[in-house]
């Protein structure tokens, strides 16, 4: 799920990606080059 948030101060739209979404989770943790992110997540649990 991608949510667009708008702040009143800047009136800019920013996309927010939720890691609970399967697609976002795979993009964050499932690709080569992101091993450090995956390792940090697993160590923090």
N, C-alpha and C. Protein backbone atom coordinates (compact mmCIF):
# COMPACT_ATOMS: atom_id res chain seq x y z
N UNK A 1 0.85 -1.18 0.00
CA UNK A 1 0.00 0.00 0.00
C UNK A 1 0.89 1.23 0.00
N UNK A 2 0.61 2.12 -0.89
CA UNK A 2 1.33 3.38 -0.97
C UNK A 2 0.37 4.48 -0.57
N UNK A 3 0.79 5.28 0.36
CA UNK A 3 -0.06 6.37 0.83
C UNK A 3 0.65 7.68 0.52
N UNK A 4 -0.09 8.62 0.03
CA UNK A 4 0.47 9.94 -0.23
C UNK A 4 0.05 10.86 0.89
N UNK A 5 1.04 11.44 1.53
CA UNK A 5 0.76 12.36 2.63
C UNK A 5 1.09 13.78 2.19
N UNK A 6 0.30 14.71 2.65
CA UNK A 6 0.52 16.10 2.31
C UNK A 6 0.65 16.89 3.61
N UNK A 7 1.70 17.66 3.69
CA UNK A 7 1.89 18.48 4.89
C UNK A 7 1.38 19.88 4.61
N UNK A 8 0.83 20.49 5.64
CA UNK A 8 0.26 21.83 5.48
C UNK A 8 1.35 22.88 5.30
N UNK A 9 2.51 22.66 5.93
CA UNK A 9 3.57 23.67 5.88
C UNK A 9 4.15 23.81 4.48
N UNK A 10 4.38 22.69 3.80
CA UNK A 10 5.06 22.76 2.52
C UNK A 10 4.13 22.53 1.34
N UNK A 11 2.94 21.95 1.59
CA UNK A 11 1.98 21.63 0.54
C UNK A 11 2.60 20.71 -0.52
N UNK A 12 3.58 19.88 -0.09
CA UNK A 12 4.19 18.91 -0.99
C UNK A 12 3.62 17.54 -0.69
N UNK A 13 3.51 16.73 -1.71
CA UNK A 13 3.01 15.37 -1.55
C UNK A 13 4.20 14.43 -1.45
N UNK A 14 4.16 13.55 -0.46
CA UNK A 14 5.25 12.61 -0.25
C UNK A 14 4.67 11.20 -0.21
N UNK A 15 5.28 10.27 -0.95
CA UNK A 15 4.82 8.90 -0.94
C UNK A 15 5.40 8.18 0.26
N UNK A 16 4.56 7.43 0.95
CA UNK A 16 5.00 6.66 2.11
C UNK A 16 4.79 5.19 1.77
N UNK A 17 5.85 4.41 1.87
CA UNK A 17 5.77 2.98 1.60
C UNK A 17 5.75 2.24 2.92
N UNK A 18 4.78 1.36 3.08
CA UNK A 18 4.66 0.60 4.31
C UNK A 18 5.36 -0.74 4.14
N UNK A 19 6.34 -1.06 4.98
CA UNK A 19 7.06 -2.32 4.83
C UNK A 19 6.21 -3.54 5.13
N UNK A 20 5.02 -3.38 5.67
CA UNK A 20 4.14 -4.52 5.90
C UNK A 20 3.52 -5.01 4.60
N UNK A 21 3.55 -4.20 3.57
CA UNK A 21 3.09 -4.60 2.26
C UNK A 21 4.12 -5.57 1.68
N UNK A 22 3.69 -6.71 1.13
CA UNK A 22 4.61 -7.73 0.63
C UNK A 22 5.55 -7.19 -0.43
N UNK A 23 5.05 -6.36 -1.34
CA UNK A 23 5.88 -5.81 -2.40
C UNK A 23 6.97 -4.91 -1.81
N UNK A 24 6.59 -4.05 -0.89
CA UNK A 24 7.56 -3.14 -0.27
C UNK A 24 8.59 -3.92 0.54
N UNK A 25 8.12 -4.95 1.25
CA UNK A 25 9.03 -5.77 2.05
C UNK A 25 10.07 -6.43 1.15
N UNK A 26 9.63 -6.96 0.04
CA UNK A 26 10.57 -7.61 -0.87
C UNK A 26 11.54 -6.61 -1.46
N UNK A 27 11.07 -5.43 -1.80
CA UNK A 27 11.97 -4.40 -2.36
C UNK A 27 13.00 -3.95 -1.33
N UNK A 28 12.61 -3.87 -0.07
CA UNK A 28 13.54 -3.44 0.97
C UNK A 28 14.54 -4.52 1.35
N UNK A 29 14.06 -5.74 1.52
CA UNK A 29 14.87 -6.78 2.13
C UNK A 29 15.24 -7.92 1.20
N UNK A 30 14.69 -7.99 0.01
CA UNK A 30 14.88 -9.16 -0.82
C UNK A 30 15.87 -9.03 -1.96
N UNK A 31 16.58 -7.96 -2.06
CA UNK A 31 17.50 -7.77 -3.17
C UNK A 31 18.94 -7.76 -2.70
N UNK A 32 19.82 -8.24 -3.58
CA UNK A 32 21.26 -8.18 -3.29
C UNK A 32 21.66 -6.72 -3.14
N UNK A 33 22.48 -6.47 -2.18
CA UNK A 33 22.88 -5.10 -1.88
C UNK A 33 22.17 -4.55 -0.65
N UNK A 34 21.09 -5.22 -0.24
CA UNK A 34 20.34 -4.80 0.94
C UNK A 34 20.54 -5.76 2.10
N UNK A 35 21.62 -6.55 2.06
CA UNK A 35 21.85 -7.54 3.11
C UNK A 35 22.02 -6.89 4.48
N UNK A 36 22.64 -5.73 4.52
CA UNK A 36 22.85 -5.05 5.80
C UNK A 36 21.52 -4.64 6.43
N UNK A 37 20.58 -4.21 5.61
CA UNK A 37 19.26 -3.82 6.12
C UNK A 37 18.56 -5.04 6.70
N UNK A 38 18.62 -6.16 5.95
CA UNK A 38 17.99 -7.40 6.41
C UNK A 38 18.64 -7.89 7.70
N UNK A 39 19.95 -7.85 7.76
CA UNK A 39 20.68 -8.30 8.94
C UNK A 39 20.31 -7.45 10.15
N UNK A 40 20.26 -6.15 9.99
CA UNK A 40 19.90 -5.25 11.10
C UNK A 40 18.48 -5.50 11.58
N UNK A 41 17.57 -5.76 10.65
CA UNK A 41 16.19 -6.06 11.04
C UNK A 41 16.13 -7.32 11.88
N UNK A 42 16.78 -8.38 11.41
CA UNK A 42 16.75 -9.64 12.12
C UNK A 42 17.44 -9.57 13.48
N UNK A 43 18.50 -8.81 13.58
CA UNK A 43 19.20 -8.66 14.86
C UNK A 43 18.40 -7.84 15.86
N UNK A 44 17.55 -6.97 15.38
CA UNK A 44 16.78 -6.11 16.30
C UNK A 44 15.54 -6.82 16.85
N UNK A 45 15.17 -7.93 16.25
CA UNK A 45 13.98 -8.66 16.71
C UNK A 45 14.32 -9.50 17.93
